[in-house]
């Protein structure tokens, strides 16, 4: 698994969107036992924190020590620095395994073999993510140009799985049909830019060119269509695949 997010761990914690309560309710509705859950590639621990309100014990893993340092400390969450494909947990240990906005980075075969080993028979795997943010017609045109033409060459190849809304990832489980959901906020331009700066392609661009692509003419064009001190309703399409072992 690649570590593309340690460098912007603090921004990731501040600006990455959170998943809606309807998603958690749907996942919990597939379970009858809430003893132990595992959040893999937990990042800043936002999903682990939600799981901790439902499960007796939550474990959360990530390859980035810097990301884990931003995660909330709760008495029933235990963090471990380890890879998604090979974990240290006992066989058939978890009722639920979650992965949020990360599975596209994994070695699928090794990861799924690990999930089958550590999850109880009848347990649930839930893979979540979110697609490209939408603001309004004018801003979306600006964003599509930025996404495709300016930083497009700097996306890792795995980004195509998000562009495909996770429909093309292998998912070798008894799949449970998931509802169509969205993540919604009212954001200022500063929040929007803060989120865009967490993108791995933006960071790749900065390392390659020693300049932030969200500056100069690009920023001026955004300023011309998004006034300061103005908030817009924004939405992310939720990507959700749920399976039973």
C-alpha atoms as a PDB file:
ATOM      1  CA  UNK A   1       0.000   0.000   0.000  1.00  0.00           C
ATOM      2  CA  UNK A   2       1.283   3.467  -0.874  1.00  0.00           C
ATOM      3  CA  UNK A   3       1.625   6.171   1.761  1.00  0.00           C
ATOM      4  CA  UNK A   4       0.470   9.312  -0.050  1.00  0.00           C
ATOM      5  CA  UNK A   5      -0.927  11.170   2.931  1.00  0.00           C
ATOM      6  CA  UNK A   6       1.597  11.431   5.756  1.00  0.00           C
ATOM      7  CA  UNK A   7       2.884  14.770   4.447  1.00  0.00           C
ATOM      8  CA  UNK A   8      -0.546  16.385   4.763  1.00  0.00           C
ATOM      9  CA  UNK A   9      -1.821  14.473   7.799  1.00  0.00           C
ATOM     10  CA  UNK A  10      -2.957  17.575   9.692  1.00  0.00           C
ATOM     11  CA  UNK A  11      -4.833  18.977   6.680  1.00  0.00           C
ATOM     12  CA  UNK A  12      -6.332  15.546   6.076  1.00  0.00           C
ATOM     13  CA  UNK A  13      -7.739  15.552   9.611  1.00  0.00           C
ATOM     14  CA  UNK A  14      -9.114  19.084   9.198  1.00  0.00           C
ATOM     15  CA  UNK A  15     -10.617  18.978   5.718  1.00  0.00           C
ATOM     16  CA  UNK A  16     -11.516  15.433   4.706  1.00  0.00           C
ATOM     17  CA  UNK A  17     -15.289  14.811   4.667  1.00  0.00           C
ATOM     18  CA  UNK A  18     -17.023  12.590   7.205  1.00  0.00           C
ATOM     19  CA  UNK A  19     -19.432   9.812   6.336  1.00  0.00           C
ATOM     20  CA  UNK A  20     -23.174  10.233   6.924  1.00  0.00           C
ATOM     21  CA  UNK A  21     -25.015   8.586   9.805  1.00  0.00           C
ATOM     22  CA  UNK A  22     -27.194   6.767   7.255  1.00  0.00           C
ATOM     23  CA  UNK A  23     -24.144   4.825   6.070  1.00  0.00           C
ATOM     24  CA  UNK A  24     -23.301   3.595   9.546  1.00  0.00           C
ATOM     25  CA  UNK A  25     -26.933   2.726  10.257  1.00  0.00           C
ATOM     26  CA  UNK A  26     -27.088   0.608   7.104  1.00  0.00           C
ATOM     27  CA  UNK A  27     -23.864  -1.231   7.966  1.00  0.00           C
ATOM     28  CA  UNK A  28     -24.911  -1.843  11.567  1.00  0.00           C
ATOM     29  CA  UNK A  29     -28.232  -3.204  10.349  1.00  0.00           C
ATOM     30  CA  UNK A  30     -26.405  -6.104   8.692  1.00  0.00           C
ATOM     31  CA  UNK A  31     -24.886  -7.232  12.002  1.00  0.00           C
ATOM     32  CA  UNK A  32     -26.190  -9.035  15.071  1.00  0.00           C
ATOM     33  CA  UNK A  33     -23.030  -8.754  17.190  1.00  0.00           C
ATOM     34  CA  UNK A  34     -21.070  -5.626  18.049  1.00  0.00           C
ATOM     35  CA  UNK A  35     -18.088  -6.961  19.964  1.00  0.00           C
ATOM     36  CA  UNK A  36     -15.077  -6.056  17.808  1.00  0.00           C
ATOM     37  CA  UNK A  37     -14.595  -3.940  14.691  1.00  0.00           C
ATOM     38  CA  UNK A  38     -11.472  -3.175  12.686  1.00  0.00           C
ATOM     39  CA  UNK A  39     -10.963  -0.029  10.620  1.00  0.00           C
ATOM     40  CA  UNK A  40      -8.140  -0.629   8.145  1.00  0.00           C
ATOM     41  CA  UNK A  41      -6.163   2.324   6.745  1.00  0.00           C
ATOM     42  CA  UNK A  42      -7.847   4.401   9.414  1.00  0.00           C
ATOM     43  CA  UNK A  43      -5.904   7.576   8.585  1.00  0.00           C
ATOM     44  CA  UNK A  44      -6.977  10.189  11.136  1.00  0.00           C
ATOM     45  CA  UNK A  45      -9.351   7.733  12.812  1.00  0.00           C
ATOM     46  CA  UNK A  46     -12.629   9.372  11.832  1.00  0.00           C
ATOM     47  CA  UNK A  47     -14.365   6.049  11.080  1.00  0.00           C
ATOM     48  CA  UNK A  48     -12.817   4.357  14.112  1.00  0.00           C
ATOM     49  CA  UNK A  49     -14.272   7.089  16.315  1.00  0.00           C
ATOM     50  CA  UNK A  50     -17.770   6.432  14.941  1.00  0.00           C
ATOM     51  CA  UNK A  51     -17.412   2.677  15.355  1.00  0.00           C
ATOM     52  CA  UNK A  52     -16.336   3.177  18.975  1.00  0.00           C
ATOM     53  CA  UNK A  53     -19.825   4.458  19.819  1.00  0.00           C
ATOM     54  CA  UNK A  54     -21.303   1.117  18.712  1.00  0.00           C
ATOM     55  CA  UNK A  55     -18.707  -1.602  19.342  1.00  0.00           C
ATOM     56  CA  UNK A  56     -17.229  -2.803  22.617  1.00  0.00           C
ATOM     57  CA  UNK A  57     -13.725  -2.723  21.146  1.00  0.00           C
ATOM     58  CA  UNK A  58     -12.403  -1.057  18.012  1.00  0.00           C
ATOM     59  CA  UNK A  59      -9.025  -1.668  16.436  1.00  0.00           C
ATOM     60  CA  UNK A  60      -7.655   0.679  13.794  1.00  0.00           C
ATOM     61  CA  UNK A  61      -4.574   0.248  11.632  1.00  0.00           C
ATOM     62  CA  UNK A  62      -2.595   2.406   9.217  1.00  0.00           C
ATOM     63  CA  UNK A  63       0.878   2.367   7.692  1.00  0.00           C
ATOM     64  CA  UNK A  64       1.384   6.049   8.545  1.00  0.00           C
ATOM     65  CA  UNK A  65       2.505   6.869  12.075  1.00  0.00           C
ATOM     66  CA  UNK A  66       1.939  10.554  11.315  1.00  0.00           C
ATOM     67  CA  UNK A  67      -1.674   9.917  10.349  1.00  0.00           C
ATOM     68  CA  UNK A  68      -2.236   7.867  13.500  1.00  0.00           C
ATOM     69  CA  UNK A  69      -0.859  10.727  15.590  1.00  0.00           C
ATOM     70  CA  UNK A  70      -3.870  12.808  14.447  1.00  0.00           C
ATOM     71  CA  UNK A  71      -6.396  10.140  15.466  1.00  0.00           C
ATOM     72  CA  UNK A  72      -8.730  10.558  18.470  1.00  0.00           C
ATOM     73  CA  UNK A  73      -7.743   8.711  21.626  1.00  0.00           C
ATOM     74  CA  UNK A  74     -10.687   6.834  23.148  1.00  0.00           C
ATOM     75  CA  UNK A  75     -10.608   4.084  25.775  1.00  0.00           C
ATOM     76  CA  UNK A  76     -12.085   1.436  23.475  1.00  0.00           C
ATOM     77  CA  UNK A  77      -9.929   2.181  20.402  1.00  0.00           C
ATOM     78  CA  UNK A  78      -6.561   0.522  19.937  1.00  0.00           C
ATOM     79  CA  UNK A  79      -4.340   1.779  17.116  1.00  0.00           C
ATOM     80  CA  UNK A  80      -1.642  -0.239  15.371  1.00  0.00           C
ATOM     81  CA  UNK A  81       0.810   0.720  12.659  1.00  0.00           C
ATOM     82  CA  UNK A  82       0.623  -2.075  10.128  1.00  0.00           C
ATOM     83  CA  UNK A  83      -0.294  -2.814   6.528  1.00  0.00           C
ATOM     84  CA  UNK A  84      -3.737  -3.741   5.277  1.00  0.00           C
ATOM     85  CA  UNK A  85      -2.575  -6.915   3.591  1.00  0.00           C
ATOM     86  CA  UNK A  86      -0.945  -8.587   6.583  1.00  0.00           C
ATOM     87  CA  UNK A  87      -2.243  -7.975  10.093  1.00  0.00           C
ATOM     88  CA  UNK A  88      -1.313  -9.349  13.500  1.00  0.00           C
ATOM     89  CA  UNK A  89      -4.848 -10.236  14.643  1.00  0.00           C
ATOM     90  CA  UNK A  90      -6.122 -13.690  15.511  1.00  0.00           C
ATOM     91  CA  UNK A  91      -8.245 -15.738  13.134  1.00  0.00           C
ATOM     92  CA  UNK A  92     -12.001 -15.011  13.042  1.00  0.00           C
ATOM     93  CA  UNK A  93     -11.642 -12.113  15.461  1.00  0.00           C
ATOM     94  CA  UNK A  94     -13.856  -9.341  14.042  1.00  0.00           C
ATOM     95  CA  UNK A  95     -17.572  -8.867  13.496  1.00  0.00           C
ATOM     96  CA  UNK A  96     -16.949  -5.970  11.109  1.00  0.00           C
ATOM     97  CA  UNK A  97     -14.046  -4.808   8.955  1.00  0.00           C
ATOM     98  CA  UNK A  98     -14.213  -1.337   7.369  1.00  0.00           C
ATOM     99  CA  UNK A  99     -12.049   0.449   4.817  1.00  0.00           C
ATOM    100  CA  UNK A 100     -12.731   4.097   3.987  1.00  0.00           C
ATOM    101  CA  UNK A 101     -11.300   5.859   0.916  1.00  0.00           C
ATOM    102  CA  UNK A 102      -8.324   3.504   0.819  1.00  0.00           C
ATOM    103  CA  UNK A 103      -9.032   0.109  -0.749  1.00  0.00           C
ATOM    104  CA  UNK A 104      -7.949   1.323  -4.179  1.00  0.00           C
ATOM    105  CA  UNK A 105      -4.364   1.456  -2.839  1.00  0.00           C
ATOM    106  CA  UNK A 106      -4.327  -2.180  -1.679  1.00  0.00           C
ATOM    107  CA  UNK A 107      -3.066  -5.424  -3.153  1.00  0.00           C
ATOM    108  CA  UNK A 108      -6.551  -6.866  -3.520  1.00  0.00           C
ATOM    109  CA  UNK A 109      -5.703 -10.580  -3.358  1.00  0.00           C
ATOM    110  CA  UNK A 110      -3.539 -10.258  -0.254  1.00  0.00           C
ATOM    111  CA  UNK A 111      -5.986  -7.912   1.446  1.00  0.00           C
ATOM    112  CA  UNK A 112      -9.027 -10.100   0.863  1.00  0.00           C
ATOM    113  CA  UNK A 113      -7.140 -13.174   2.072  1.00  0.00           C
ATOM    114  CA  UNK A 114      -6.351 -11.274   5.267  1.00  0.00           C
ATOM    115  CA  UNK A 115      -9.991 -10.191   5.670  1.00  0.00           C
ATOM    116  CA  UNK A 116     -11.194 -13.793   5.294  1.00  0.00           C
ATOM    117  CA  UNK A 117      -8.749 -14.907   7.974  1.00  0.00           C
ATOM    118  CA  UNK A 118      -9.511 -12.283  10.626  1.00  0.00           C
ATOM    119  CA  UNK A 119     -13.286 -11.887  10.164  1.00  0.00           C
ATOM    120  CA  UNK A 120     -15.845 -14.157  11.821  1.00  0.00           C
ATOM    121  CA  UNK A 121     -17.987 -16.369   9.583  1.00  0.00           C
ATOM    122  CA  UNK A 122     -21.067 -14.320   8.801  1.00  0.00           C
ATOM    123  CA  UNK A 123     -19.178 -11.107   9.550  1.00  0.00           C
ATOM    124  CA  UNK A 124     -19.327  -8.014   7.377  1.00  0.00           C
ATOM    125  CA  UNK A 125     -16.826  -6.115   5.278  1.00  0.00           C
ATOM    126  CA  UNK A 126     -17.791  -2.548   4.358  1.00  0.00           C
ATOM    127  CA  UNK A 127     -15.777  -0.623   1.777  1.00  0.00           C
ATOM    128  CA  UNK A 128     -16.613   3.080   1.608  1.00  0.00           C
ATOM    129  CA  UNK A 129     -15.347   6.094  -0.265  1.00  0.00           C
ATOM    130  CA  UNK A 130     -16.495   9.212  -2.050  1.00  0.00           C
ATOM    131  CA  UNK A 131     -16.241  10.467  -5.610  1.00  0.00           C
ATOM    132  CA  UNK A 132     -15.500  13.889  -7.044  1.00  0.00           C
ATOM    133  CA  UNK A 133     -17.047  16.750  -5.117  1.00  0.00           C
ATOM    134  CA  UNK A 134     -19.766  18.825  -6.791  1.00  0.00           C
ATOM    135  CA  UNK A 135     -20.531  22.469  -6.017  1.00  0.00           C
ATOM    136  CA  UNK A 136     -22.524  24.105  -8.808  1.00  0.00           C
ATOM    137  CA  UNK A 137     -22.436  24.201 -12.603  1.00  0.00           C
ATOM    138  CA  UNK A 138     -19.854  26.964 -12.920  1.00  0.00           C
ATOM    139  CA  UNK A 139     -17.529  25.756 -10.160  1.00  0.00           C
ATOM    140  CA  UNK A 140     -17.813  22.163 -11.362  1.00  0.00           C
ATOM    141  CA  UNK A 141     -16.508  23.228 -14.789  1.00  0.00           C
ATOM    142  CA  UNK A 142     -13.524  24.895 -13.088  1.00  0.00           C
ATOM    143  CA  UNK A 143     -12.960  21.769 -10.984  1.00  0.00           C
ATOM    144  CA  UNK A 144     -13.185  19.382 -13.931  1.00  0.00           C
ATOM    145  CA  UNK A 145     -10.543  21.408 -15.788  1.00  0.00           C
ATOM    146  CA  UNK A 146      -8.288  21.422 -12.725  1.00  0.00           C
ATOM    147  CA  UNK A 147      -8.875  17.721 -12.048  1.00  0.00           C
ATOM    148  CA  UNK A 148      -8.278  16.543 -15.604  1.00  0.00           C
ATOM    149  CA  UNK A 149      -6.004  19.023 -17.352  1.00  0.00           C
ATOM    150  CA  UNK A 150      -3.825  20.516 -14.610  1.00  0.00           C
ATOM    151  CA  UNK A 151      -3.263  17.731 -12.093  1.00  0.00           C
ATOM    152  CA  UNK A 152      -4.569  14.851 -14.222  1.00  0.00           C
ATOM    153  CA  UNK A 153      -1.085  13.521 -15.104  1.00  0.00           C
ATOM    154  CA  UNK A 154      -0.161  13.489 -11.406  1.00  0.00           C
ATOM    155  CA  UNK A 155      -2.867  11.107 -10.219  1.00  0.00           C
ATOM    156  CA  UNK A 156      -1.725   7.608  -9.326  1.00  0.00           C
ATOM    157  CA  UNK A 157      -3.199   4.938 -11.592  1.00  0.00           C
ATOM    158  CA  UNK A 158      -5.334   3.679  -8.698  1.00  0.00           C
ATOM    159  CA  UNK A 159      -7.452   6.822  -8.868  1.00  0.00           C
ATOM    160  CA  UNK A 160      -9.416   5.192 -11.697  1.00  0.00           C
ATOM    161  CA  UNK A 161     -11.199   3.009  -9.142  1.00  0.00           C
ATOM    162  CA  UNK A 162     -12.683   6.132  -7.550  1.00  0.00           C
ATOM    163  CA  UNK A 163     -13.570   7.574 -10.949  1.00  0.00           C
ATOM    164  CA  UNK A 164     -15.398   4.277 -11.564  1.00  0.00           C
ATOM    165  CA  UNK A 165     -17.197   4.695  -8.198  1.00  0.00           C
ATOM    166  CA  UNK A 166     -15.610   1.464  -6.905  1.00  0.00           C
ATOM    167  CA  UNK A 167     -17.661  -0.592  -9.353  1.00  0.00           C
ATOM    168  CA  UNK A 168     -14.520  -2.056 -10.922  1.00  0.00           C
ATOM    169  CA  UNK A 169     -12.729  -3.178  -7.755  1.00  0.00           C
ATOM    170  CA  UNK A 170     -12.897  -6.943  -7.208  1.00  0.00           C
ATOM    171  CA  UNK A 171     -15.252  -7.800  -4.365  1.00  0.00           C
ATOM    172  CA  UNK A 172     -15.322 -11.565  -3.755  1.00  0.00           C
ATOM    173  CA  UNK A 173     -18.048 -11.665  -1.096  1.00  0.00           C
ATOM    174  CA  UNK A 174     -21.775 -12.191  -0.864  1.00  0.00           C
ATOM    175  CA  UNK A 175     -22.661  -8.615  -1.727  1.00  0.00           C
ATOM    176  CA  UNK A 176     -25.463  -6.733   0.013  1.00  0.00           C
ATOM    177  CA  UNK A 177     -27.140  -4.048  -2.076  1.00  0.00           C
ATOM    178  CA  UNK A 178     -26.296  -0.642  -0.570  1.00  0.00           C
ATOM    179  CA  UNK A 179     -28.399   2.547  -0.698  1.00  0.00           C
ATOM    180  CA  UNK A 180     -27.456   5.567  -2.797  1.00  0.00           C
ATOM    181  CA  UNK A 181     -26.144   8.207  -0.391  1.00  0.00           C
ATOM    182  CA  UNK A 182     -24.315  11.539  -0.471  1.00  0.00           C
ATOM    183  CA  UNK A 183     -22.009  13.448   1.858  1.00  0.00           C
ATOM    184  CA  UNK A 184     -23.258  17.044   2.073  1.00  0.00           C
ATOM    185  CA  UNK A 185     -21.793  20.229   3.533  1.00  0.00           C
ATOM    186  CA  UNK A 186     -22.025  23.988   3.229  1.00  0.00           C
ATOM    187  CA  UNK A 187     -18.472  25.094   2.519  1.00  0.00           C
ATOM    188  CA  UNK A 188     -16.579  28.329   2.136  1.00  0.00           C
ATOM    189  CA  UNK A 189     -14.013  28.706  -0.628  1.00  0.00           C
ATOM    190  CA  UNK A 190     -11.280  28.300   1.992  1.00  0.00           C
ATOM    191  CA  UNK A 191     -12.694  24.950   3.099  1.00  0.00           C
ATOM    192  CA  UNK A 192     -12.979  23.840  -0.537  1.00  0.00           C
ATOM    193  CA  UNK A 193      -9.346  24.751  -1.200  1.00  0.00           C
ATOM    194  CA  UNK A 194      -8.266  23.124   2.049  1.00  0.00           C
ATOM    195  CA  UNK A 195      -9.855  19.893   0.891  1.00  0.00           C
ATOM    196  CA  UNK A 196      -8.320  20.085  -2.598  1.00  0.00           C
ATOM    197  CA  UNK A 197      -4.885  20.560  -1.048  1.00  0.00           C
ATOM    198  CA  UNK A 198      -5.205  17.121   0.592  1.00  0.00           C
ATOM    199  CA  UNK A 199      -5.373  15.430  -2.822  1.00  0.00           C
ATOM    200  CA  UNK A 200      -2.391  13.191  -3.517  1.00  0.00           C
ATOM    201  CA  UNK A 201      -2.140  14.542  -7.084  1.00  0.00           C
ATOM    202  CA  UNK A 202      -1.783  18.093  -5.767  1.00  0.00           C
ATOM    203  CA  UNK A 203       1.044  16.976  -3.514  1.00  0.00           C
ATOM    204  CA  UNK A 204       2.692  15.078  -6.403  1.00  0.00           C
ATOM    205  CA  UNK A 205       2.453  18.244  -8.536  1.00  0.00           C
ATOM    206  CA  UNK A 206       4.080  20.350  -5.792  1.00  0.00           C
ATOM    207  CA  UNK A 207       6.971  17.893  -5.395  1.00  0.00           C
ATOM    208  CA  UNK A 208       7.531  17.772  -9.161  1.00  0.00           C
ATOM    209  CA  UNK A 209       7.236  21.509  -9.877  1.00  0.00           C
ATOM    210  CA  UNK A 210       7.980  23.265  -6.560  1.00  0.00           C
ATOM    211  CA  UNK A 211       4.766  25.252  -6.910  1.00  0.00           C
ATOM    212  CA  UNK A 212       1.197  24.669  -5.766  1.00  0.00           C
ATOM    213  CA  UNK A 213      -1.190  24.171  -8.713  1.00  0.00           C
ATOM    214  CA  UNK A 214      -3.888  25.897  -6.633  1.00  0.00           C
ATOM    215  CA  UNK A 215      -2.233  29.273  -7.131  1.00  0.00           C
ATOM    216  CA  UNK A 216      -1.689  31.870  -9.828  1.00  0.00           C
ATOM    217  CA  UNK A 217      -4.143  31.886 -12.741  1.00  0.00           C
ATOM    218  CA  UNK A 218      -5.938  28.799 -11.459  1.00  0.00           C
ATOM    219  CA  UNK A 219      -6.741  30.440  -8.138  1.00  0.00           C
ATOM    220  CA  UNK A 220      -7.681  33.711  -9.843  1.00  0.00           C
ATOM    221  CA  UNK A 221     -10.219  31.890 -12.005  1.00  0.00           C
ATOM    222  CA  UNK A 222     -11.745  30.313  -8.903  1.00  0.00           C
ATOM    223  CA  UNK A 223     -11.806  33.711  -7.168  1.00  0.00           C
ATOM    224  CA  UNK A 224     -13.742  35.137 -10.113  1.00  0.00           C
ATOM    225  CA  UNK A 225     -16.566  32.582  -9.704  1.00  0.00           C
ATOM    226  CA  UNK A 226     -16.563  32.019  -5.933  1.00  0.00           C
ATOM    227  CA  UNK A 227     -16.763  35.266  -3.931  1.00  0.00           C
ATOM    228  CA  UNK A 228     -15.032  35.538  -0.586  1.00  0.00           C
ATOM    229  CA  UNK A 229     -17.300  35.109   2.457  1.00  0.00           C
ATOM    230  CA  UNK A 230     -19.734  33.025   0.378  1.00  0.00           C
ATOM    231  CA  UNK A 231     -20.645  29.464   1.279  1.00  0.00           C
ATOM    232  CA  UNK A 232     -22.094  26.955  -1.185  1.00  0.00           C
ATOM    233  CA  UNK A 233     -23.854  23.632  -0.714  1.00  0.00           C
ATOM    234  CA  UNK A 234     -21.472  20.884  -1.854  1.00  0.00           C
ATOM    235  CA  UNK A 235     -21.908  17.128  -2.173  1.00  0.00           C
ATOM    236  CA  UNK A 236     -19.838  14.015  -2.631  1.00  0.00           C
ATOM    237  CA  UNK A 237     -21.368  10.814  -4.036  1.00  0.00           C
ATOM    238  CA  UNK A 238     -20.847   8.058  -1.460  1.00  0.00           C
ATOM    239  CA  UNK A 239     -19.170   4.898  -2.727  1.00  0.00           C
ATOM    240  CA  UNK A 240     -20.267   1.894  -0.658  1.00  0.00           C
ATOM    241  CA  UNK A 241     -19.881  -1.842  -1.117  1.00  0.00           C
ATOM    242  CA  UNK A 242     -20.903  -4.215   1.680  1.00  0.00           C
ATOM    243  CA  UNK A 243     -20.373  -7.962   1.773  1.00  0.00           C
ATOM    244  CA  UNK A 244     -20.923 -10.899   4.088  1.00  0.00           C
ATOM    245  CA  UNK A 245     -18.293 -13.551   4.666  1.00  0.00           C
END
